[in-house]
Amino acid sequence: MDKIIKIGRDRTILISISILLFSIFSIYFEQSAKIDIDIKKLIRQIIRFILTVGLLYLVYIGKNWARILALTLFVFSIILSIAGILFIEVDLASKTPLFVVVIIYSLAIYHLAFSKSFKAFYNYQRQQMIDF
């Protein structure tokens, strides 16, 4: 494995971990704001988290459709976060998670769409699937 492939693998893992940590934070943040736990909402959030893990795993192993789906979802998340930053009337501290979404997902979009190290890692993963 070349150095650039290792860099692509490591950055893919780091971005995936960042997305998953933010997802866990958002589940906790939303549930902790209420006195009672909303079980239906918690179940939906857990299912969304599991689907996110699955999508990121499929991106990691080199599935192109998963990469495209992830990019599309990240773009929608950024658009909605920017709209929230601009139009929701709350204090700046309450908007902090929206800024985090914009930063993390922008880095993910750059990495998955334009990074040479990810392209090298992606091609390596695709080759491993063919050789398997």
Protein backbone atom coordinates (compact mmCIF):
# COMPACT_ATOMS: atom_id res chain seq x y z
CA MET A 1 0.00 0.00 0.00
CA ASP A 2 1.44 3.36 -1.09
CA LYS A 3 1.78 6.32 1.23
CA ILE A 4 -0.93 8.27 -0.61
CA ILE A 5 -3.32 5.31 -0.27
CA LYS A 6 -2.62 5.16 3.47
CA ILE A 7 -3.27 8.89 3.76
CA GLY A 8 -6.56 8.45 1.89
CA ARG A 9 -7.54 5.55 4.15
CA ASP A 10 -6.65 7.45 7.32
CA ARG A 11 -8.50 10.60 6.26
CA THR A 12 -11.54 8.56 5.23
CA ILE A 13 -11.58 6.94 8.67
CA LEU A 14 -11.12 10.29 10.45
CA ILE A 15 -13.93 11.95 8.50
CA SER A 16 -16.20 8.97 9.12
CA ILE A 17 -15.45 9.11 12.84
CA SER A 18 -16.17 12.86 12.87
CA ILE A 19 -19.52 12.34 11.18
CA LEU A 20 -20.45 9.52 13.57
CA LEU A 21 -19.38 11.49 16.66
CA PHE A 22 -21.46 14.44 15.55
CA SER A 23 -24.38 12.13 14.93
CA ILE A 24 -24.07 10.74 18.47
CA PHE A 25 -23.79 14.29 19.82
CA SER A 26 -26.95 15.37 17.99
CA ILE A 27 -28.88 12.37 19.36
CA TYR A 28 -27.72 13.17 22.88
CA PHE A 29 -28.30 16.92 22.50
CA GLU A 30 -31.83 16.47 21.23
CA GLN A 31 -32.80 13.89 23.86
CA SER A 32 -31.20 15.73 26.79
CA ALA A 33 -33.13 18.91 26.06
CA LYS A 34 -36.34 17.20 27.23
CA ILE A 35 -37.27 15.90 30.64
CA ASP A 36 -38.76 12.69 29.25
CA ILE A 37 -37.12 10.59 26.55
CA ASP A 38 -39.15 10.47 23.36
CA ILE A 39 -38.84 6.76 22.54
CA LYS A 40 -40.19 7.02 18.98
CA LYS A 41 -37.76 9.79 18.13
CA LEU A 42 -34.89 7.94 19.81
CA ILE A 43 -35.63 4.82 17.76
CA ARG A 44 -35.66 6.89 14.55
CA GLN A 45 -32.37 8.49 15.53
CA ILE A 46 -30.77 5.13 16.30
CA ILE A 47 -31.96 3.75 12.94
CA ARG A 48 -30.53 6.85 11.21
CA PHE A 49 -27.25 6.32 13.03
CA ILE A 50 -27.08 2.67 11.95
CA LEU A 51 -27.83 3.66 8.35
CA THR A 52 -25.08 6.29 8.55
CA VAL A 53 -22.62 3.67 9.77
CA GLY A 54 -23.64 1.39 6.90
CA LEU A 55 -23.33 4.14 4.31
CA LEU A 56 -19.89 5.17 5.55
CA TYR A 57 -18.77 1.54 5.54
CA LEU A 58 -19.92 1.15 1.94
CA VAL A 59 -18.02 4.31 1.00
CA TYR A 60 -14.97 2.89 2.77
CA ILE A 61 -15.04 -0.37 0.81
CA GLY A 62 -15.31 1.52 -2.49
CA LYS A 63 -18.96 1.48 -3.56
CA ASN A 64 -19.42 4.37 -5.98
CA TRP A 65 -23.19 4.63 -5.51
CA ALA A 66 -22.63 4.99 -1.75
CA ARG A 67 -20.08 7.76 -2.33
CA ILE A 68 -22.53 9.61 -4.59
CA LEU A 69 -25.38 9.16 -2.10
CA ALA A 70 -23.17 10.38 0.74
CA LEU A 71 -22.10 13.43 -1.26
CA THR A 72 -25.73 14.23 -2.09
CA LEU A 73 -26.82 13.91 1.55
CA PHE A 74 -23.88 16.03 2.72
CA VAL A 75 -24.76 18.79 0.25
CA PHE A 76 -28.39 18.80 1.44
CA SER A 77 -27.23 18.94 5.05
CA ILE A 78 -24.97 21.89 4.33
CA ILE A 79 -27.75 23.75 2.51
CA LEU A 80 -30.19 23.18 5.37
CA SER A 81 -27.57 24.15 7.96
CA ILE A 82 -26.75 27.39 6.17
CA ALA A 83 -30.47 28.16 5.93
CA GLY A 84 -30.76 27.50 9.66
CA ILE A 85 -27.81 29.75 10.42
CA LEU A 86 -29.31 32.56 8.37
CA PHE A 87 -33.00 32.30 9.23
CA ILE A 88 -33.43 30.75 12.69
CA GLU A 89 -33.80 33.46 15.32
CA VAL A 90 -31.77 32.13 18.27
CA ASP A 91 -28.54 33.17 19.92
CA LEU A 92 -25.22 32.32 18.29
CA ALA A 93 -24.36 29.62 20.82
CA SER A 94 -27.48 27.66 19.82
CA LYS A 95 -26.36 27.79 16.19
CA THR A 96 -22.97 26.21 16.95
CA PRO A 97 -24.03 22.68 15.89
CA LEU A 98 -25.06 24.09 12.51
CA PHE A 99 -21.59 25.57 12.02
CA VAL A 100 -20.08 22.20 12.95
CA VAL A 101 -22.27 20.47 10.35
CA VAL A 102 -21.11 22.89 7.67
CA ILE A 103 -17.45 22.35 8.55
CA ILE A 104 -17.51 18.56 8.89
CA TYR A 105 -19.64 17.92 5.82
CA SER A 106 -17.67 20.42 3.73
CA LEU A 107 -14.49 18.55 4.61
CA ALA A 108 -16.22 15.28 3.76
CA ILE A 109 -17.37 16.61 0.38
CA TYR A 110 -13.91 17.87 -0.43
CA HIS A 111 -12.37 14.55 0.59
CA LEU A 112 -14.84 12.29 -1.24
CA ALA A 113 -15.07 14.37 -4.40
CA PHE A 114 -11.73 16.09 -4.94
CA SER A 115 -8.98 14.60 -2.77
CA LYS A 116 -6.23 12.76 -4.65
CA SER A 117 -5.52 10.59 -1.61
CA PHE A 118 -9.15 9.44 -1.46
CA LYS A 119 -9.16 8.69 -5.19
CA ALA A 120 -6.04 6.56 -4.74
CA PHE A 121 -7.57 4.78 -1.75
CA TYR A 122 -10.88 4.36 -3.60
CA ASN A 123 -9.13 2.79 -6.60
CA TYR A 124 -7.16 0.53 -4.26
CA GLN A 125 -10.36 -0.59 -2.53
CA ARG A 126 -12.08 -1.21 -5.87
CA GLN A 127 -9.10 -3.30 -7.00
CA GLN A 128 -9.27 -5.32 -3.78
CA MET A 129 -12.95 -6.05 -4.46
CA ILE A 130 -12.14 -7.22 -8.00
CA ASP A 131 -9.25 -9.41 -6.81
CA PHE A 132 -11.43 -10.94 -4.11
